[in-house]
Amino acid sequence: MSHVFLEMTMTLDGFTSAPGVSLEHPLGLAGERVHEWMRHSIFDGSAPLDDRNGDATPDEIDREAAASMFEKTGAFVLGRRTFDVGEGPWGDDPVFEGRPCFVVTSRERESFERGGSRFEFVTGGVAEAVARASEAASAASVCIMGGADVARQALAAELVDEARLHLVPVLLGGGSRLFPDSAAHRVELVPTSVLQGARATHLRYRLLRS
């Protein structure tokens, strides 16, 4: 099984999107603030990471956090709602940089290729999606990138080796919560890294298996 990591951005009050998620509003009404750090990191036009000298600036820390999602990743797992609201905005852009994507869904759909990536729809649950992604990734890592429901299922099934959480300094007050008020069992995490970027705090944890 490949190394599996969870990659999620959430607000200080624990939401991954604002209320009202739809095709027109992929992150909910006025929810673009959640991923603002990532958009600035990708499109800020600053010098390449290899050209910097000395310690990383807060902006560079954000950029490194965004880039690390692809560094050793061989495949992605995502939920159907994440796919549905992203399919339009992604278009033919190489959003996943040619990596295969496995979509957890209860609605069947034929596999297809776009932006250099093959999208396969898995109706057997998140464990099957992670297993198929792991096989496709070979020795590389598998990234579970959301949404919140798929992330919670993967954590409950103890499929996650590492959690990478990007904490945005805003209180939405409502929306899709990453962690519910109650869970079936306790999850222990070991902090491995904390980095303060310009627009988000980047946290890494290793998950302990029961």
N, C-alpha and C. Protein backbone atom coordinates (compact mmCIF):
# COMPACT_ATOMS: atom_id res chain seq x y z
N MET A 1 0.84 -1.20 0.00
CA MET A 1 0.00 0.00 0.00
C MET A 1 0.88 1.25 0.00
N SER A 2 0.53 2.21 -0.81
CA SER A 2 1.27 3.46 -0.87
C SER A 2 1.10 4.28 0.40
N HIS A 3 2.01 5.21 0.60
CA HIS A 3 1.82 6.21 1.64
C HIS A 3 0.61 7.06 1.25
N VAL A 4 -0.34 7.21 2.17
CA VAL A 4 -1.58 7.94 1.90
C VAL A 4 -1.64 9.18 2.78
N PHE A 5 -1.79 10.33 2.15
CA PHE A 5 -1.90 11.55 2.95
C PHE A 5 -3.17 12.32 2.59
N LEU A 6 -3.70 12.98 3.60
CA LEU A 6 -4.90 13.80 3.48
C LEU A 6 -4.47 15.25 3.34
N GLU A 7 -4.98 15.92 2.32
CA GLU A 7 -4.61 17.32 2.05
C GLU A 7 -5.89 18.16 2.09
N MET A 8 -6.05 18.99 3.14
CA MET A 8 -7.28 19.77 3.29
C MET A 8 -6.98 21.16 3.80
N THR A 9 -7.71 22.13 3.28
CA THR A 9 -7.68 23.50 3.81
C THR A 9 -8.95 23.73 4.60
N MET A 10 -8.81 24.33 5.78
CA MET A 10 -10.00 24.63 6.57
C MET A 10 -9.83 25.96 7.30
N THR A 11 -10.94 26.53 7.68
CA THR A 11 -10.92 27.79 8.40
C THR A 11 -10.65 27.55 9.88
N LEU A 12 -10.43 28.61 10.61
CA LEU A 12 -10.14 28.48 12.04
C LEU A 12 -11.29 27.83 12.80
N ASP A 13 -12.53 27.99 12.31
CA ASP A 13 -13.66 27.33 12.97
C ASP A 13 -14.01 26.00 12.33
N GLY A 14 -13.11 25.45 11.49
CA GLY A 14 -13.22 24.07 11.06
C GLY A 14 -13.97 23.77 9.79
N PHE A 15 -14.23 24.79 8.95
CA PHE A 15 -15.01 24.56 7.73
C PHE A 15 -14.12 24.52 6.49
N THR A 16 -14.44 23.62 5.57
CA THR A 16 -13.69 23.51 4.33
C THR A 16 -14.34 24.27 3.18
N SER A 17 -15.57 24.70 3.38
CA SER A 17 -16.28 25.52 2.40
C SER A 17 -17.39 26.27 3.10
N ALA A 18 -17.89 27.30 2.44
CA ALA A 18 -18.99 28.08 2.99
C ALA A 18 -20.33 27.42 2.64
N PRO A 19 -21.43 27.87 3.24
CA PRO A 19 -22.74 27.32 2.87
C PRO A 19 -23.06 27.63 1.41
N GLY A 20 -23.89 26.79 0.80
CA GLY A 20 -24.35 27.06 -0.56
C GLY A 20 -23.43 26.58 -1.65
N VAL A 21 -22.73 25.46 -1.44
CA VAL A 21 -21.87 24.90 -2.49
C VAL A 21 -22.72 24.50 -3.68
N SER A 22 -22.31 24.90 -4.88
CA SER A 22 -23.04 24.58 -6.10
C SER A 22 -22.07 24.64 -7.27
N LEU A 23 -22.56 24.32 -8.46
CA LEU A 23 -21.72 24.42 -9.65
C LEU A 23 -21.26 25.86 -9.87
N GLU A 24 -22.12 26.81 -9.53
CA GLU A 24 -21.77 28.23 -9.69
C GLU A 24 -20.85 28.71 -8.58
N HIS A 25 -20.92 28.09 -7.41
CA HIS A 25 -20.12 28.49 -6.26
C HIS A 25 -19.45 27.24 -5.65
N PRO A 26 -18.33 26.79 -6.24
CA PRO A 26 -17.69 25.54 -5.82
C PRO A 26 -17.28 25.51 -4.36
N LEU A 27 -16.99 26.66 -3.77
CA LEU A 27 -16.62 26.73 -2.36
C LEU A 27 -17.69 27.38 -1.51
N GLY A 28 -18.91 27.42 -2.03
CA GLY A 28 -20.01 28.05 -1.31
C GLY A 28 -20.07 29.54 -1.58
N LEU A 29 -21.11 30.16 -1.05
CA LEU A 29 -21.30 31.60 -1.25
C LEU A 29 -20.21 32.37 -0.51
N ALA A 30 -19.41 33.11 -1.26
CA ALA A 30 -18.28 33.87 -0.71
C ALA A 30 -17.24 32.96 -0.04
N GLY A 31 -17.18 31.71 -0.49
CA GLY A 31 -16.24 30.77 0.11
C GLY A 31 -14.87 30.75 -0.52
N GLU A 32 -14.64 31.60 -1.53
CA GLU A 32 -13.34 31.63 -2.21
C GLU A 32 -12.20 31.96 -1.24
N ARG A 33 -12.55 32.61 -0.14
CA ARG A 33 -11.55 32.97 0.87
C ARG A 33 -10.81 31.73 1.39
N VAL A 34 -11.46 30.59 1.39
CA VAL A 34 -10.86 29.38 1.94
C VAL A 34 -9.59 29.00 1.17
N HIS A 35 -9.63 29.07 -0.16
CA HIS A 35 -8.49 28.66 -0.97
C HIS A 35 -7.70 29.85 -1.51
N GLU A 36 -7.90 31.01 -0.92
CA GLU A 36 -7.18 32.21 -1.37
C GLU A 36 -5.67 32.03 -1.29
N TRP A 37 -5.19 31.37 -0.23
CA TRP A 37 -3.75 31.18 -0.06
C TRP A 37 -3.16 30.38 -1.22
N MET A 38 -3.93 29.40 -1.70
CA MET A 38 -3.43 28.54 -2.76
C MET A 38 -3.40 29.28 -4.10
N ARG A 39 -4.44 30.06 -4.37
CA ARG A 39 -4.49 30.81 -5.61
C ARG A 39 -3.33 31.80 -5.67
N HIS A 40 -3.04 32.49 -4.58
CA HIS A 40 -1.92 33.42 -4.55
C HIS A 40 -0.60 32.67 -4.72
N SER A 41 -0.51 31.48 -4.15
CA SER A 41 0.73 30.71 -4.23
C SER A 41 1.03 30.28 -5.65
N ILE A 42 -0.01 29.94 -6.40
CA ILE A 42 0.18 29.44 -7.76
C ILE A 42 0.34 30.57 -8.76
N PHE A 43 -0.37 31.68 -8.56
CA PHE A 43 -0.42 32.73 -9.57
C PHE A 43 0.24 34.04 -9.14
N ASP A 44 1.12 34.01 -8.11
CA ASP A 44 1.67 35.28 -7.64
C ASP A 44 2.79 35.81 -8.52
N GLY A 45 3.31 34.99 -9.45
CA GLY A 45 4.31 35.49 -10.38
C GLY A 45 5.67 35.73 -9.77
N SER A 46 5.95 35.25 -8.57
CA SER A 46 7.24 35.47 -7.94
C SER A 46 8.26 34.48 -8.46
N ALA A 47 9.50 34.61 -8.02
CA ALA A 47 10.59 33.79 -8.52
C ALA A 47 10.39 32.32 -8.18
N PRO A 48 10.95 31.41 -9.01
CA PRO A 48 10.85 29.98 -8.70
C PRO A 48 11.47 29.65 -7.36
N LEU A 49 11.00 28.57 -6.75
CA LEU A 49 11.50 28.19 -5.44
C LEU A 49 13.00 27.97 -5.44
N ASP A 50 13.54 27.44 -6.54
CA ASP A 50 14.96 27.14 -6.60
C ASP A 50 15.82 28.38 -6.64
N ASP A 51 15.21 29.56 -6.93
CA ASP A 51 15.98 30.80 -7.06
C ASP A 51 16.08 31.59 -5.77
N ARG A 52 15.43 31.14 -4.70
CA ARG A 52 15.44 31.91 -3.48
C ARG A 52 16.77 31.73 -2.75
N ASN A 53 17.11 32.70 -1.93
CA ASN A 53 18.32 32.64 -1.12
C ASN A 53 17.95 32.80 0.35
N GLY A 54 18.58 31.99 1.20
CA GLY A 54 18.33 32.13 2.64
C GLY A 54 17.01 31.52 3.05
N ASP A 55 16.49 31.98 4.20
CA ASP A 55 15.25 31.43 4.74
C ASP A 55 14.07 31.77 3.85
N ALA A 56 13.08 30.90 3.89
CA ALA A 56 11.87 31.12 3.09
C ALA A 56 11.06 32.26 3.67
N THR A 57 10.52 33.11 2.81
CA THR A 57 9.59 34.15 3.23
C THR A 57 8.23 33.52 3.45
N PRO A 58 7.30 34.21 4.14
CA PRO A 58 5.95 33.65 4.31
C PRO A 58 5.27 33.30 2.99
N ASP A 59 5.45 34.13 1.95
CA ASP A 59 4.85 33.81 0.65
C ASP A 59 5.46 32.54 0.07
N GLU A 60 6.76 32.36 0.23
CA GLU A 60 7.42 31.16 -0.29
C GLU A 60 6.98 29.91 0.48
N ILE A 61 6.72 30.08 1.76
CA ILE A 61 6.21 28.95 2.56
C ILE A 61 4.86 28.50 2.02
N ASP A 62 3.99 29.45 1.70
CA ASP A 62 2.69 29.10 1.10
C ASP A 62 2.90 28.38 -0.22
N ARG A 63 3.82 28.86 -1.04
CA ARG A 63 4.05 28.26 -2.35
C ARG A 63 4.60 26.85 -2.21
N GLU A 64 5.50 26.66 -1.26
CA GLU A 64 6.05 25.31 -1.05
C GLU A 64 4.97 24.34 -0.57
N ALA A 65 4.07 24.83 0.29
CA ALA A 65 2.98 23.99 0.78
C ALA A 65 2.06 23.57 -0.35
N ALA A 66 1.79 24.49 -1.28
CA ALA A 66 0.94 24.15 -2.43
C ALA A 66 1.64 23.17 -3.36
N ALA A 67 2.94 23.38 -3.59
CA ALA A 67 3.69 22.52 -4.50
C ALA A 67 3.90 21.13 -3.95
N SER A 68 3.97 21.00 -2.62
CA SER A 68 4.28 19.70 -2.02
C SER A 68 3.19 18.66 -2.27
N MET A 69 1.98 19.12 -2.61
CA MET A 69 0.90 18.19 -2.88
C MET A 69 1.23 17.30 -4.07
N PHE A 70 2.12 17.74 -4.96
CA PHE A 70 2.43 17.00 -6.18
C PHE A 70 3.81 16.34 -6.14
N GLU A 71 4.65 16.69 -5.18
CA GLU A 71 6.06 16.29 -5.22
C GLU A 71 6.25 14.79 -5.35
N LYS A 72 5.60 14.00 -4.50
CA LYS A 72 5.78 12.54 -4.52
C LYS A 72 4.45 11.82 -4.69
N THR A 73 3.50 12.51 -5.31
CA THR A 73 2.15 11.97 -5.45
C THR A 73 1.97 11.28 -6.78
N GLY A 74 1.44 10.04 -6.73
CA GLY A 74 1.22 9.30 -7.95
C GLY A 74 -0.23 9.20 -8.36
N ALA A 75 -1.17 9.49 -7.43
CA ALA A 75 -2.60 9.40 -7.74
C ALA A 75 -3.38 10.20 -6.71
N PHE A 76 -4.61 10.60 -7.09
CA PHE A 76 -5.48 11.38 -6.23
C PHE A 76 -6.80 10.64 -6.00
N VAL A 77 -7.36 10.85 -4.81
CA VAL A 77 -8.70 10.37 -4.48
C VAL A 77 -9.54 11.57 -4.10
N LEU A 78 -10.74 11.68 -4.64
CA LEU A 78 -11.63 12.80 -4.33
C LEU A 78 -13.07 12.33 -4.34
N GLY A 79 -13.92 13.14 -3.71
CA GLY A 79 -15.34 12.83 -3.65
C GLY A 79 -16.08 13.30 -4.88
N ARG A 80 -17.31 12.79 -5.06
CA ARG A 80 -18.08 13.13 -6.25
C ARG A 80 -18.46 14.61 -6.27
N ARG A 81 -18.82 15.18 -5.11
CA ARG A 81 -19.19 16.60 -5.13
C ARG A 81 -17.99 17.46 -5.49
N THR A 82 -16.81 17.11 -4.96
CA THR A 82 -15.60 17.85 -5.33
C THR A 82 -15.37 17.78 -6.82
N PHE A 83 -15.56 16.60 -7.39
CA PHE A 83 -15.41 16.45 -8.84
C PHE A 83 -16.46 17.27 -9.59
N ASP A 84 -17.73 17.15 -9.17
CA ASP A 84 -18.82 17.80 -9.90
C ASP A 84 -18.64 19.32 -9.94
N VAL A 85 -18.28 19.93 -8.81
CA VAL A 85 -18.15 21.39 -8.79
C VAL A 85 -16.83 21.84 -9.42
N GLY A 86 -15.88 20.91 -9.53
CA GLY A 86 -14.59 21.29 -10.12
C GLY A 86 -14.48 21.04 -11.59
N GLU A 87 -15.29 20.13 -12.12
CA GLU A 87 -15.16 19.71 -13.52
C GLU A 87 -15.25 20.90 -14.48
N GLY A 88 -16.20 21.79 -14.24
CA GLY A 88 -16.35 22.96 -15.11
C GLY A 88 -15.16 23.91 -15.04
N PRO A 89 -14.82 24.42 -13.84
CA PRO A 89 -13.68 25.33 -13.71
C PRO A 89 -12.35 24.72 -14.16
N TRP A 90 -12.16 23.42 -13.91
CA TRP A 90 -10.89 22.78 -14.32
C TRP A 90 -10.75 22.76 -15.84
N GLY A 91 -11.85 22.48 -16.54
CA GLY A 91 -11.78 22.42 -17.99
C GLY A 91 -10.73 21.41 -18.45
N ASP A 92 -9.95 21.81 -19.45
CA ASP A 92 -8.90 20.94 -19.98
C ASP A 92 -7.54 21.26 -19.39
N ASP A 93 -7.50 22.08 -18.33
CA ASP A 93 -6.23 22.41 -17.70
C ASP A 93 -5.64 21.18 -17.00
N PRO A 94 -4.32 21.06 -16.98
CA PRO A 94 -3.68 19.92 -16.30
C PRO A 94 -3.66 20.11 -14.78
N VAL A 95 -4.84 20.17 -14.17
CA VAL A 95 -4.97 20.48 -12.75
C VAL A 95 -4.23 19.45 -11.89
N PHE A 96 -4.27 18.20 -12.29
CA PHE A 96 -3.65 17.14 -11.49
C PHE A 96 -2.32 16.68 -12.08
N GLU A 97 -1.79 17.47 -12.99
CA GLU A 97 -0.46 17.25 -13.57
C GLU A 97 -0.27 15.83 -14.10
N GLY A 98 -1.31 15.31 -14.74
CA GLY A 98 -1.22 14.02 -15.39
C GLY A 98 -1.41 12.82 -14.49
N ARG A 99 -1.63 13.04 -13.18
CA ARG A 99 -1.85 11.91 -12.28
C ARG A 99 -3.26 11.36 -12.43
N PRO A 100 -3.45 10.04 -12.27
CA PRO A 100 -4.79 9.47 -12.32
C PRO A 100 -5.61 9.88 -11.09
N CYS A 101 -6.91 10.01 -11.28
CA CYS A 101 -7.80 10.44 -10.20
C CYS A 101 -8.92 9.41 -10.03
N PHE A 102 -9.24 9.10 -8.77
CA PHE A 102 -10.27 8.12 -8.45
C PHE A 102 -11.36 8.82 -7.65
N VAL A 103 -12.56 8.85 -8.21
CA VAL A 103 -13.67 9.61 -7.65
C VAL A 103 -14.61 8.67 -6.90
N VAL A 104 -14.78 8.90 -5.60
CA VAL A 104 -15.69 8.10 -4.78
C VAL A 104 -17.11 8.57 -5.04
N THR A 105 -17.98 7.66 -5.46
CA THR A 105 -19.32 8.06 -5.87
C THR A 105 -20.32 6.92 -5.70
N SER A 106 -21.60 7.26 -5.63
CA SER A 106 -22.66 6.26 -5.66
C SER A 106 -23.32 6.23 -7.03
N ARG A 107 -22.87 7.11 -7.92
CA ARG A 107 -23.45 7.20 -9.27
C ARG A 107 -22.39 6.80 -10.30
N GLU A 108 -22.66 5.78 -11.06
CA GLU A 108 -21.70 5.29 -12.04
C GLU A 108 -21.50 6.29 -13.17
N ARG A 109 -20.29 6.31 -13.68
CA ARG A 109 -19.97 7.13 -14.84
C ARG A 109 -18.77 6.50 -15.52
N GLU A 110 -18.72 6.58 -16.83
CA GLU A 110 -17.61 6.01 -17.58
C GLU A 110 -16.33 6.79 -17.30
N SER A 111 -15.22 6.07 -17.25
CA SER A 111 -13.93 6.72 -17.08
C SER A 111 -13.62 7.58 -18.30
N PHE A 112 -12.85 8.62 -18.11
CA PHE A 112 -12.46 9.47 -19.23
C PHE A 112 -11.14 10.17 -18.90
N GLU A 113 -10.53 10.75 -19.90
CA GLU A 113 -9.27 11.46 -19.72
C GLU A 113 -9.45 12.92 -20.07
N ARG A 114 -8.82 13.77 -19.23
CA ARG A 114 -8.88 15.22 -19.45
C ARG A 114 -7.68 15.85 -18.76
N GLY A 115 -7.09 16.83 -19.39
CA GLY A 115 -5.95 17.53 -18.80
C GLY A 115 -4.79 16.61 -18.48
N GLY A 116 -4.68 15.52 -19.23
CA GLY A 116 -3.59 14.58 -19.01
C GLY A 116 -3.85 13.56 -17.92
N SER A 117 -4.99 13.66 -17.23
CA SER A 117 -5.33 12.74 -16.14
C SER A 117 -6.50 11.84 -16.54
N ARG A 118 -6.47 10.63 -16.06
CA ARG A 118 -7.59 9.72 -16.25
C ARG A 118 -8.45 9.73 -14.99
N PHE A 119 -9.74 9.95 -15.16
CA PHE A 119 -10.69 9.98 -14.05
C PHE A 119 -11.48 8.67 -14.04
N GLU A 120 -11.40 7.93 -12.94
CA GLU A 120 -12.15 6.70 -12.77
C GLU A 120 -13.12 6.85 -11.60
N PHE A 121 -14.33 6.33 -11.77
CA PHE A 121 -15.40 6.52 -10.78
C PHE A 121 -15.60 5.21 -10.03
N VAL A 122 -15.45 5.29 -8.70
CA VAL A 122 -15.42 4.11 -7.84
C VAL A 122 -16.69 4.07 -7.00
N THR A 123 -17.50 3.03 -7.18
CA THR A 123 -18.76 2.92 -6.44
C THR A 123 -18.64 2.01 -5.22
N GLY A 124 -17.45 1.47 -4.97
CA GLY A 124 -17.28 0.54 -3.86
C GLY A 124 -16.81 1.16 -2.57
N GLY A 125 -16.78 2.49 -2.51
CA GLY A 125 -16.40 3.16 -1.26
C GLY A 125 -14.97 3.69 -1.28
N VAL A 126 -14.64 4.43 -0.23
CA VAL A 126 -13.35 5.11 -0.18
C VAL A 126 -12.20 4.12 -0.07
N ALA A 127 -12.39 3.01 0.63
CA ALA A 127 -11.31 2.02 0.77
C ALA A 127 -10.93 1.44 -0.59
N GLU A 128 -11.93 1.15 -1.42
CA GLU A 128 -11.64 0.64 -2.76
C GLU A 128 -10.93 1.70 -3.60
N ALA A 129 -11.38 2.96 -3.47
CA ALA A 129 -10.76 4.05 -4.23
C ALA A 129 -9.29 4.21 -3.85
N VAL A 130 -9.00 4.14 -2.54
CA VAL A 130 -7.62 4.28 -2.09
C VAL A 130 -6.78 3.09 -2.56
N ALA A 131 -7.35 1.89 -2.53
CA ALA A 131 -6.63 0.71 -2.99
C ALA A 131 -6.29 0.81 -4.47
N ARG A 132 -7.25 1.25 -5.27
CA ARG A 132 -7.00 1.39 -6.70
C ARG A 132 -6.02 2.51 -6.99
N ALA A 133 -6.12 3.59 -6.23
CA ALA A 133 -5.17 4.69 -6.40
C ALA A 133 -3.77 4.26 -6.01
N SER A 134 -3.67 3.47 -4.96
CA SER A 134 -2.37 2.97 -4.50
C SER A 134 -1.73 2.09 -5.57
N GLU A 135 -2.54 1.26 -6.20
CA GLU A 135 -2.02 0.41 -7.27
C GLU A 135 -1.54 1.24 -8.45
N ALA A 136 -2.32 2.27 -8.80
CA ALA A 136 -1.94 3.13 -9.92
C ALA A 136 -0.72 3.97 -9.61
N ALA A 137 -0.56 4.34 -8.33
CA ALA A 137 0.55 5.21 -7.94
C ALA A 137 1.86 4.45 -7.84
N SER A 138 1.78 3.12 -7.75
CA SER A 138 2.97 2.28 -7.58
C SER A 138 3.67 2.66 -6.29
N ALA A 139 4.93 3.09 -6.37
CA ALA A 139 5.68 3.41 -5.15
C ALA A 139 5.44 4.84 -4.68
N ALA A 140 4.70 5.64 -5.45
CA ALA A 140 4.44 7.03 -5.08
C ALA A 140 3.29 7.11 -4.08
N SER A 141 3.06 8.31 -3.55
CA SER A 141 2.02 8.52 -2.55
C SER A 141 0.64 8.70 -3.19
N VAL A 142 -0.38 8.53 -2.35
CA VAL A 142 -1.76 8.79 -2.75
C VAL A 142 -2.25 9.98 -1.94
N CYS A 143 -2.83 10.96 -2.62
CA CYS A 143 -3.36 12.16 -1.97
C CYS A 143 -4.88 12.12 -1.95
N ILE A 144 -5.46 12.18 -0.75
CA ILE A 144 -6.91 12.34 -0.60
C ILE A 144 -7.16 13.83 -0.43
N MET A 145 -7.82 14.44 -1.42
CA MET A 145 -7.92 15.90 -1.43
C MET A 145 -9.33 16.43 -1.16
N GLY A 146 -10.21 15.57 -0.69
CA GLY A 146 -11.53 16.08 -0.34
C GLY A 146 -12.63 15.49 -1.20
N GLY A 147 -13.84 15.87 -0.88
CA GLY A 147 -14.21 16.83 0.13
C GLY A 147 -14.21 16.28 1.55
N ALA A 148 -14.86 17.06 2.42
CA ALA A 148 -14.84 16.76 3.84
C ALA A 148 -15.40 15.38 4.16
N ASP A 149 -16.44 14.95 3.46
CA ASP A 149 -17.06 13.66 3.76
C ASP A 149 -16.10 12.51 3.44
N VAL A 150 -15.45 12.56 2.30
CA VAL A 150 -14.47 11.54 1.92
C VAL A 150 -13.31 11.54 2.90
N ALA A 151 -12.88 12.71 3.33
CA ALA A 151 -11.78 12.81 4.30
C ALA A 151 -12.16 12.13 5.61
N ARG A 152 -13.38 12.38 6.09
CA ARG A 152 -13.83 11.77 7.35
C ARG A 152 -13.92 10.24 7.21
N GLN A 153 -14.43 9.77 6.08
CA GLN A 153 -14.52 8.34 5.86
C GLN A 153 -13.14 7.69 5.86
N ALA A 154 -12.18 8.33 5.22
CA ALA A 154 -10.83 7.78 5.15
C ALA A 154 -10.19 7.74 6.52
N LEU A 155 -10.42 8.77 7.32
CA LEU A 155 -9.87 8.79 8.68
C LEU A 155 -10.52 7.69 9.53
N ALA A 156 -11.83 7.54 9.43
CA ALA A 156 -12.54 6.54 10.23
C ALA A 156 -12.10 5.13 9.86
N ALA A 157 -11.76 4.91 8.58
CA ALA A 157 -11.34 3.59 8.13
C ALA A 157 -9.85 3.36 8.34
N GLU A 158 -9.16 4.33 8.95
CA GLU A 158 -7.72 4.24 9.22
C GLU A 158 -6.93 3.99 7.94
N LEU A 159 -7.27 4.74 6.89
CA LEU A 159 -6.59 4.64 5.61
C LEU A 159 -5.49 5.69 5.46
N VAL A 160 -5.44 6.65 6.39
CA VAL A 160 -4.57 7.82 6.25
C VAL A 160 -3.31 7.67 7.09
N ASP A 161 -2.16 7.87 6.47
CA ASP A 161 -0.87 7.84 7.17
C ASP A 161 -0.46 9.21 7.66
N GLU A 162 -0.85 10.26 6.93
CA GLU A 162 -0.41 11.62 7.25
C GLU A 162 -1.53 12.60 6.93
N ALA A 163 -1.70 13.61 7.78
CA ALA A 163 -2.66 14.68 7.53
C ALA A 163 -1.92 15.99 7.33
N ARG A 164 -2.19 16.65 6.22
CA ARG A 164 -1.63 17.96 5.93
C ARG A 164 -2.79 18.95 5.93
N LEU A 165 -2.84 19.77 6.95
CA LEU A 165 -3.95 20.71 7.12
C LEU A 165 -3.45 22.13 6.97
N HIS A 166 -4.16 22.90 6.17
CA HIS A 166 -3.81 24.30 5.93
C HIS A 166 -4.88 25.16 6.60
N LEU A 167 -4.50 25.87 7.63
CA LEU A 167 -5.44 26.61 8.48
C LEU A 167 -5.51 28.06 8.04
N VAL A 168 -6.68 28.49 7.62
CA VAL A 168 -6.89 29.85 7.10
C VAL A 168 -7.48 30.72 8.21
N PRO A 169 -6.90 31.92 8.44
CA PRO A 169 -7.35 32.77 9.54
C PRO A 169 -8.64 33.53 9.25
N VAL A 170 -9.74 32.79 9.22
CA VAL A 170 -11.04 33.40 9.04
C VAL A 170 -12.06 32.50 9.72
N LEU A 171 -13.15 33.10 10.22
CA LEU A 171 -14.25 32.36 10.82
C LEU A 171 -15.45 32.45 9.89
N LEU A 172 -15.80 31.34 9.23
CA LEU A 172 -16.92 31.35 8.29
C LEU A 172 -18.26 31.31 9.02
N GLY A 173 -18.31 30.62 10.15
CA GLY A 173 -19.55 30.53 10.90
C GLY A 173 -20.51 29.46 10.42
N GLY A 174 -20.18 28.79 9.32
CA GLY A 174 -21.04 27.74 8.80
C GLY A 174 -20.48 27.18 7.52
N GLY A 175 -21.04 26.05 7.06
CA GLY A 175 -20.56 25.42 5.84
C GLY A 175 -20.32 23.94 6.05
N SER A 176 -19.38 23.39 5.30
CA SER A 176 -19.03 21.98 5.42
C SER A 176 -17.90 21.84 6.43
N ARG A 177 -18.18 21.15 7.52
CA ARG A 177 -17.19 21.00 8.58
C ARG A 177 -16.32 19.77 8.32
N LEU A 178 -15.00 19.93 8.48
CA LEU A 178 -14.10 18.81 8.24
C LEU A 178 -14.27 17.74 9.31
N PHE A 179 -14.27 18.16 10.57
CA PHE A 179 -14.39 17.19 11.66
C PHE A 179 -15.75 17.35 12.33
N PRO A 180 -16.50 16.27 12.47
CA PRO A 180 -17.84 16.35 13.07
C PRO A 180 -17.77 16.56 14.57
N ASP A 181 -18.93 16.85 15.17
CA ASP A 181 -18.99 17.05 16.62
C ASP A 181 -18.70 15.75 17.38
N SER A 182 -18.96 14.62 16.74
CA SER A 182 -18.68 13.33 17.37
C SER A 182 -18.17 12.37 16.32
N ALA A 183 -17.40 11.38 16.75
CA ALA A 183 -16.85 10.40 15.83
C ALA A 183 -16.93 9.02 16.46
N ALA A 184 -16.81 7.98 15.62
CA ALA A 184 -16.95 6.62 16.11
C ALA A 184 -15.82 6.21 17.03
N HIS A 185 -14.64 6.76 16.81
CA HIS A 185 -13.51 6.41 17.67
C HIS A 185 -12.50 7.55 17.67
N ARG A 186 -11.61 7.49 18.61
CA ARG A 186 -10.60 8.52 18.80
C ARG A 186 -9.46 8.33 17.80
N VAL A 187 -8.90 9.44 17.32
CA VAL A 187 -7.78 9.41 16.39
C VAL A 187 -6.61 10.18 17.01
N GLU A 188 -5.48 9.51 17.13
CA GLU A 188 -4.29 10.15 17.69
C GLU A 188 -3.37 10.60 16.56
N LEU A 189 -2.83 11.82 16.70
CA LEU A 189 -1.94 12.38 15.70
C LEU A 189 -0.65 12.86 16.36
N VAL A 190 0.45 12.73 15.64
CA VAL A 190 1.74 13.20 16.13
C VAL A 190 2.17 14.38 15.26
N PRO A 191 2.34 15.57 15.84
CA PRO A 191 2.77 16.72 15.04
C PRO A 191 4.17 16.50 14.48
N THR A 192 4.35 16.79 13.19
CA THR A 192 5.66 16.66 12.57
C THR A 192 6.18 17.97 11.99
N SER A 193 5.28 18.94 11.74
CA SER A 193 5.73 20.19 11.14
C SER A 193 4.66 21.27 11.31
N VAL A 194 5.11 22.49 11.60
CA VAL A 194 4.24 23.67 11.64
C VAL A 194 4.98 24.80 10.95
N LEU A 195 4.39 25.35 9.88
CA LEU A 195 5.01 26.45 9.15
C LEU A 195 3.99 27.57 8.97
N GLN A 196 4.42 28.80 9.23
CA GLN A 196 3.54 29.96 9.10
C GLN A 196 3.76 30.65 7.78
N GLY A 197 2.77 30.57 6.91
CA GLY A 197 2.84 31.26 5.64
C GLY A 197 2.21 32.64 5.72
N ALA A 198 2.12 33.28 4.58
CA ALA A 198 1.54 34.63 4.53
C ALA A 198 0.03 34.60 4.71
N ARG A 199 -0.61 33.56 4.22
CA ARG A 199 -2.08 33.50 4.22
C ARG A 199 -2.65 32.25 4.87
N ALA A 200 -1.79 31.37 5.37
CA ALA A 200 -2.27 30.15 6.02
C ALA A 200 -1.17 29.58 6.90
N THR A 201 -1.58 28.81 7.90
CA THR A 201 -0.65 28.06 8.74
C THR A 201 -0.70 26.61 8.28
N HIS A 202 0.47 26.03 8.00
CA HIS A 202 0.54 24.72 7.40
C HIS A 202 0.98 23.69 8.44
N LEU A 203 0.09 22.74 8.73
CA LEU A 203 0.30 21.76 9.79
C LEU A 203 0.42 20.36 9.18
N ARG A 204 1.37 19.60 9.71
CA ARG A 204 1.50 18.19 9.29
C ARG A 204 1.47 17.29 10.52
N TYR A 205 0.75 16.18 10.38
CA TYR A 205 0.63 15.21 11.46
C TYR A 205 0.81 13.80 10.91
N ARG A 206 1.44 12.96 11.69
CA ARG A 206 1.48 11.53 11.41
C ARG A 206 0.38 10.87 12.23
N LEU A 207 -0.40 10.00 11.60
CA LEU A 207 -1.51 9.36 12.28
C LEU A 207 -1.07 8.03 12.89
N LEU A 208 -1.49 7.81 14.12
CA LEU A 208 -1.20 6.56 14.81
C LEU A 208 -2.34 5.59 14.55
N ARG A 209 -1.99 4.37 14.15
CA ARG A 209 -3.00 3.35 13.91
C ARG A 209 -3.37 2.67 15.23
N SER A 210 -4.62 2.31 15.38
CA SER A 210 -5.08 1.64 16.60
C SER A 210 -4.59 0.20 16.63
